[in-house]
N, C-alpha and C. Protein backbone atom coordinates (compact mmCIF):
# COMPACT_ATOMS: atom_id res chain seq x y z
N MET A 1 107.73 194.70 121.54
CA MET A 1 106.57 194.28 120.81
C MET A 1 106.89 194.48 119.32
N ASP A 2 106.42 193.48 118.48
CA ASP A 2 106.56 193.71 117.04
C ASP A 2 105.24 194.06 116.39
N ILE A 3 105.20 194.37 115.20
CA ILE A 3 104.12 194.87 114.51
C ILE A 3 102.88 193.82 114.46
N GLN A 4 103.40 192.50 114.16
CA GLN A 4 102.20 191.63 114.15
C GLN A 4 101.58 191.23 115.47
N THR A 5 102.28 191.49 116.61
CA THR A 5 101.73 191.28 117.89
C THR A 5 100.78 192.44 118.19
N ALA A 6 101.26 193.72 117.74
CA ALA A 6 100.35 194.78 117.99
C ALA A 6 99.12 194.69 117.16
N ILE A 7 99.20 194.22 115.90
CA ILE A 7 98.02 194.19 115.02
C ILE A 7 97.10 193.32 115.63
N ALA A 8 97.56 192.07 116.17
CA ALA A 8 96.82 190.99 116.82
C ALA A 8 95.98 191.59 118.02
N GLY A 9 96.72 192.47 118.79
CA GLY A 9 96.09 193.04 120.11
C GLY A 9 95.03 194.03 119.60
N PHE A 10 95.36 194.86 118.70
CA PHE A 10 94.23 195.84 118.26
C PHE A 10 93.15 195.19 117.59
N ALA A 11 93.39 194.17 116.78
CA ALA A 11 92.37 193.42 116.08
C ALA A 11 91.41 192.74 117.00
N ALA A 12 92.11 192.24 118.06
CA ALA A 12 91.19 191.48 119.12
C ALA A 12 90.29 192.56 119.79
N LEU A 13 90.70 193.79 120.04
CA LEU A 13 89.89 194.83 120.65
C LEU A 13 89.01 195.63 119.73
N ALA A 14 89.04 195.26 118.33
CA ALA A 14 88.34 195.96 117.47
C ALA A 14 86.95 195.36 117.10
N GLN A 15 86.26 194.94 118.16
CA GLN A 15 85.00 194.35 118.15
C GLN A 15 84.30 194.70 119.48
N PRO A 16 83.02 195.22 119.31
CA PRO A 16 82.37 195.79 120.50
C PRO A 16 82.25 194.81 121.77
N THR A 17 82.00 193.52 121.55
CA THR A 17 81.78 192.68 122.65
C THR A 17 83.22 192.39 123.34
N ARG A 18 84.22 192.26 122.58
CA ARG A 18 85.74 192.00 123.06
C ARG A 18 86.07 193.27 123.74
N LEU A 19 85.91 194.36 123.12
CA LEU A 19 86.38 195.67 123.80
C LEU A 19 85.73 195.82 125.19
N GLU A 20 84.44 195.58 125.19
CA GLU A 20 83.59 195.73 126.43
C GLU A 20 84.06 194.63 127.48
N SER A 21 84.35 193.45 127.03
CA SER A 21 84.67 192.47 127.94
C SER A 21 86.14 192.84 128.52
N PHE A 22 87.01 193.27 127.70
CA PHE A 22 88.37 193.78 128.21
C PHE A 22 88.23 194.87 129.16
N ARG A 23 87.43 195.75 128.85
CA ARG A 23 87.26 197.04 129.74
C ARG A 23 86.61 196.50 131.04
N LEU A 24 85.70 195.60 131.05
CA LEU A 24 85.08 195.07 132.26
C LEU A 24 86.17 194.33 133.10
N LEU A 25 87.01 193.50 132.49
CA LEU A 25 88.08 192.84 133.09
C LEU A 25 89.06 193.81 133.72
N VAL A 26 89.38 194.88 133.07
CA VAL A 26 90.32 195.93 133.71
C VAL A 26 89.75 196.54 134.87
N ARG A 27 88.33 196.77 134.93
CA ARG A 27 87.74 197.30 136.01
C ARG A 27 87.76 196.28 137.26
N HIS A 28 87.90 195.02 136.91
CA HIS A 28 87.92 194.05 138.00
C HIS A 28 89.24 193.40 138.31
N GLU A 29 90.31 194.17 137.91
CA GLU A 29 91.67 193.80 138.37
C GLU A 29 91.79 194.09 139.75
N PRO A 30 92.59 193.23 140.51
CA PRO A 30 93.31 192.07 140.09
C PRO A 30 92.53 190.82 140.24
N ALA A 31 91.30 190.79 140.79
CA ALA A 31 90.57 189.52 141.01
C ALA A 31 90.11 188.85 139.73
N GLY A 32 89.80 189.54 138.80
CA GLY A 32 89.22 188.96 137.57
C GLY A 32 87.76 188.52 137.78
N LEU A 33 87.29 187.83 136.73
CA LEU A 33 85.81 187.40 136.73
C LEU A 33 85.76 186.02 136.10
N PRO A 34 84.84 185.42 136.59
CA PRO A 34 84.55 183.94 135.89
C PRO A 34 83.80 184.31 134.51
N ALA A 35 84.10 183.44 133.57
CA ALA A 35 83.52 183.53 132.15
C ALA A 35 82.07 183.83 132.23
N GLY A 36 81.40 182.95 133.04
CA GLY A 36 79.91 183.00 133.13
C GLY A 36 79.38 184.43 133.67
N GLU A 37 80.32 184.96 134.59
CA GLU A 37 79.83 186.27 135.11
C GLU A 37 80.04 187.41 134.08
N ILE A 38 81.09 187.33 133.26
CA ILE A 38 81.38 188.18 132.20
C ILE A 38 80.13 188.20 131.18
N ALA A 39 79.80 186.92 130.86
CA ALA A 39 78.68 186.82 129.86
C ALA A 39 77.39 187.24 130.47
N ARG A 40 77.11 187.14 131.70
CA ARG A 40 75.89 187.49 132.42
C ARG A 40 75.89 189.05 132.44
N LEU A 41 77.05 189.70 132.87
CA LEU A 41 77.19 191.22 132.97
C LEU A 41 76.89 191.96 131.57
N LEU A 42 77.42 191.28 130.54
CA LEU A 42 77.38 191.82 129.24
C LEU A 42 76.09 191.36 128.36
N ASP A 43 75.33 190.42 129.00
CA ASP A 43 74.11 189.84 128.35
C ASP A 43 74.50 189.25 127.13
N ILE A 44 75.53 188.38 127.01
CA ILE A 44 76.07 187.64 125.95
C ILE A 44 75.96 186.18 126.25
N PRO A 45 75.45 185.37 125.24
CA PRO A 45 75.36 183.90 125.56
C PRO A 45 76.80 183.36 125.93
N GLN A 46 76.78 182.25 126.80
CA GLN A 46 78.19 181.89 127.22
C GLN A 46 79.02 181.34 126.17
N ASN A 47 78.48 180.57 125.09
CA ASN A 47 79.31 180.01 124.06
C ASN A 47 79.84 181.11 123.22
N THR A 48 79.21 182.15 123.08
CA THR A 48 79.56 183.33 122.31
C THR A 48 80.72 184.01 123.05
N MET A 49 80.48 184.15 124.40
CA MET A 49 81.53 184.70 125.28
C MET A 49 82.80 184.04 125.20
N SER A 50 82.70 182.67 125.19
CA SER A 50 83.96 181.78 125.21
C SER A 50 84.69 182.07 123.99
N THR A 51 84.06 182.24 122.94
CA THR A 51 84.88 182.61 121.59
C THR A 51 85.57 183.89 121.75
N HIS A 52 84.75 184.98 122.23
CA HIS A 52 85.39 186.23 122.33
C HIS A 52 86.61 186.21 123.37
N LEU A 53 86.43 185.56 124.46
CA LEU A 53 87.59 185.51 125.32
C LEU A 53 88.86 184.65 124.90
N ALA A 54 88.55 183.70 124.08
CA ALA A 54 89.61 182.94 123.38
C ALA A 54 90.39 183.90 122.52
N ILE A 55 89.71 184.76 121.77
CA ILE A 55 90.35 185.64 120.74
C ILE A 55 91.18 186.63 121.63
N LEU A 56 90.69 187.15 122.79
CA LEU A 56 91.50 188.11 123.50
C LEU A 56 92.63 187.31 124.25
N ALA A 57 92.48 186.14 124.56
CA ALA A 57 93.50 185.27 125.08
C ALA A 57 94.62 184.94 124.09
N ARG A 58 94.37 184.69 122.94
CA ARG A 58 95.37 184.37 121.85
C ARG A 58 96.11 185.71 121.56
N ALA A 59 95.49 186.84 121.76
CA ALA A 59 96.12 188.14 121.47
C ALA A 59 96.97 188.43 122.71
N GLY A 60 96.90 187.76 123.78
CA GLY A 60 97.62 188.02 124.94
C GLY A 60 97.17 189.03 125.95
N LEU A 61 95.80 189.49 125.66
CA LEU A 61 95.34 190.54 126.44
C LEU A 61 94.55 190.06 127.62
N VAL A 62 94.21 188.79 127.77
CA VAL A 62 93.59 188.24 128.93
C VAL A 62 94.40 186.91 129.19
N GLY A 63 94.39 186.57 130.52
CA GLY A 63 94.83 185.33 130.93
C GLY A 63 93.77 184.62 131.61
N GLN A 64 93.87 183.43 131.90
CA GLN A 64 92.87 182.53 132.52
C GLN A 64 93.47 181.59 133.54
N GLU A 65 92.64 181.40 134.62
CA GLU A 65 93.06 180.41 135.65
C GLU A 65 91.94 179.57 136.02
N ARG A 66 92.11 178.31 136.16
CA ARG A 66 91.04 177.60 136.73
C ARG A 66 90.93 177.63 138.20
N GLN A 67 89.82 177.86 138.71
CA GLN A 67 89.44 177.85 140.05
C GLN A 67 88.17 177.05 140.42
N SER A 68 88.44 175.73 140.84
CA SER A 68 87.49 174.81 141.08
C SER A 68 86.83 174.42 139.72
N ARG A 69 85.46 174.81 139.56
CA ARG A 69 84.87 174.45 138.17
C ARG A 69 84.79 175.76 137.24
N SER A 70 85.35 176.85 137.66
CA SER A 70 85.26 178.04 136.97
C SER A 70 86.65 178.46 136.25
N MET A 71 86.47 179.20 135.10
CA MET A 71 87.64 179.71 134.53
C MET A 71 87.64 181.15 134.90
N ILE A 72 88.62 181.66 135.65
CA ILE A 72 88.66 183.22 135.94
C ILE A 72 89.61 183.85 134.98
N TYR A 73 88.96 184.92 134.38
CA TYR A 73 89.71 185.65 133.34
C TYR A 73 90.27 187.00 134.00
N ARG A 74 91.39 187.45 133.58
CA ARG A 74 92.04 188.60 134.15
C ARG A 74 92.64 189.31 132.95
N ALA A 75 92.49 190.70 132.91
CA ALA A 75 93.18 191.54 131.93
C ALA A 75 94.71 191.40 132.15
N ASP A 76 95.38 191.41 131.09
CA ASP A 76 96.89 191.36 131.12
C ASP A 76 97.32 192.70 130.98
N LEU A 77 97.56 193.51 132.11
CA LEU A 77 97.81 194.90 131.97
C LEU A 77 99.24 195.20 131.52
N ASP A 78 100.14 194.17 131.64
CA ASP A 78 101.43 194.37 131.10
C ASP A 78 101.32 194.30 129.54
N ARG A 79 100.48 193.45 129.01
CA ARG A 79 100.33 193.48 127.57
C ARG A 79 99.74 194.74 127.09
N LEU A 80 98.67 195.23 127.83
CA LEU A 80 98.11 196.59 127.49
C LEU A 80 99.05 197.59 127.50
N ARG A 81 99.99 197.59 128.53
CA ARG A 81 100.92 198.65 128.50
C ARG A 81 101.89 198.59 127.31
N ALA A 82 102.35 197.54 126.98
CA ALA A 82 103.16 197.21 125.80
C ALA A 82 102.54 197.61 124.55
N LEU A 83 101.22 197.41 124.48
CA LEU A 83 100.47 197.73 123.19
C LEU A 83 100.44 199.24 123.12
N LEU A 84 100.04 199.89 124.21
CA LEU A 84 100.00 201.33 124.17
C LEU A 84 101.34 202.03 124.07
N LEU A 85 102.36 201.48 124.62
CA LEU A 85 103.74 201.94 124.43
C LEU A 85 104.20 201.84 122.95
N TYR A 86 103.83 200.77 122.26
CA TYR A 86 104.13 200.42 120.89
C TYR A 86 103.75 201.64 120.08
N VAL A 87 102.35 201.99 120.35
CA VAL A 87 101.82 203.02 119.59
C VAL A 87 102.37 204.51 119.86
N LEU A 88 102.69 204.65 121.08
CA LEU A 88 103.08 205.92 121.56
C LEU A 88 104.67 206.19 121.52
N LYS A 89 105.36 205.09 121.31
CA LYS A 89 106.85 205.17 121.42
C LYS A 89 107.48 206.33 120.74
N ASP A 90 107.06 206.60 119.64
CA ASP A 90 107.52 207.66 118.71
C ASP A 90 106.57 208.83 118.75
N CYS A 91 105.87 209.08 119.85
CA CYS A 91 104.82 210.01 119.85
C CYS A 91 105.31 211.41 119.47
N CYS A 92 104.67 212.01 118.55
CA CYS A 92 104.91 213.35 118.23
C CYS A 92 106.31 213.64 117.77
N GLY A 93 107.01 212.71 117.10
CA GLY A 93 108.29 212.85 116.55
C GLY A 93 109.39 213.32 117.69
N GLY A 94 109.13 212.82 118.86
CA GLY A 94 110.07 213.21 119.95
C GLY A 94 109.84 214.50 120.59
N ARG A 95 108.64 215.18 120.24
CA ARG A 95 108.40 216.40 120.95
C ARG A 95 107.52 216.27 122.08
N ALA A 96 108.04 216.13 123.22
CA ALA A 96 107.31 215.77 124.50
C ALA A 96 106.23 216.76 124.75
N ASP A 97 106.40 218.04 124.36
CA ASP A 97 105.41 218.93 124.58
C ASP A 97 104.06 218.72 123.85
N LEU A 98 104.16 218.07 122.61
CA LEU A 98 102.94 217.74 121.94
C LEU A 98 102.34 216.41 122.53
N CYS A 99 103.08 215.63 123.18
CA CYS A 99 102.50 214.43 123.78
C CYS A 99 101.97 214.66 125.20
N ALA A 100 102.31 215.74 125.79
CA ALA A 100 101.96 216.06 127.15
C ALA A 100 100.55 215.95 127.48
N PRO A 101 99.64 216.47 126.63
CA PRO A 101 98.18 216.37 126.93
C PRO A 101 97.74 214.89 126.85
N LEU A 102 98.16 214.16 126.07
CA LEU A 102 97.91 212.71 125.96
C LEU A 102 98.31 211.98 127.16
N ILE A 103 99.44 212.27 127.65
CA ILE A 103 100.03 211.55 128.85
C ILE A 103 99.28 212.07 130.06
N ALA A 104 98.87 213.36 130.20
CA ALA A 104 98.07 213.76 131.25
C ALA A 104 96.75 213.18 131.31
N ASP A 105 96.13 213.14 130.28
CA ASP A 105 94.88 212.33 130.21
C ASP A 105 95.02 210.78 130.67
N LEU A 106 96.00 210.15 130.20
CA LEU A 106 96.23 208.77 130.63
C LEU A 106 96.50 208.66 132.14
N SER A 107 97.24 209.74 132.67
CA SER A 107 97.65 209.70 134.03
C SER A 107 96.53 209.90 135.03
N GLN A 108 95.36 210.52 134.46
CA GLN A 108 94.18 210.66 135.42
C GLN A 108 93.55 209.37 135.75
N CYS A 109 93.78 208.33 134.99
CA CYS A 109 93.00 207.12 135.29
C CYS A 109 94.13 206.06 135.76
N CYS A 110 95.35 206.27 135.41
CA CYS A 110 96.32 205.23 135.79
C CYS A 110 97.49 205.77 136.64
N PRO A 111 97.98 204.95 137.45
CA PRO A 111 99.07 205.42 138.27
C PRO A 111 100.26 205.74 137.42
N ALA A 112 101.16 206.69 137.86
CA ALA A 112 102.30 207.10 137.09
C ALA A 112 103.26 205.99 136.73
N ASP A 113 103.41 205.10 137.64
CA ASP A 113 104.38 203.90 137.36
C ASP A 113 103.87 203.04 136.17
N PHE A 114 102.60 203.01 135.94
CA PHE A 114 102.09 202.26 134.78
C PHE A 114 102.53 202.91 133.53
N LEU A 115 102.48 204.23 133.42
CA LEU A 115 102.90 204.86 132.32
C LEU A 115 104.34 205.01 132.10
N LEU A 116 105.30 204.84 133.03
CA LEU A 116 106.68 205.09 132.86
C LEU A 116 107.48 203.89 132.82
N THR A 117 106.93 202.66 133.19
CA THR A 117 107.54 201.40 132.97
C THR A 117 107.49 200.82 131.70
C-alpha cells in the first residue's frame, strides 16, 4: 500500500455515516447487506447512502455485487488489513514489547491469522 491509497482509505472513513456503514458491513461479513437495508438500519436517505457507499467503494473498502434487483455491499477485509498494517508496519520503532498491548487488543476481536497475514 502506498501513502495515497492509505490517505484515501482513512479519508473515506473520516466521516460518521461512512464509518458506521463500514462497521455495519464488517458485522455482516461475509453475507453483506443490500444498500437499502444499510440505509434503513442507519436511518439515512437512500440517495445519501448511495453517495457514502460510492466513496467507500472508490477507497477500496467495500465491494458490491448485483443480486437480482439489489446491490449487495460487503466490507473488503483484505483492504482493511492492508490499511491497518500500513499504519502499524513500523510500530514502536521495531520494539515489539511496546506494540504488544495494541496487538493484544486487536486479537480480542479478530482471529490471529487476520493479524499475521
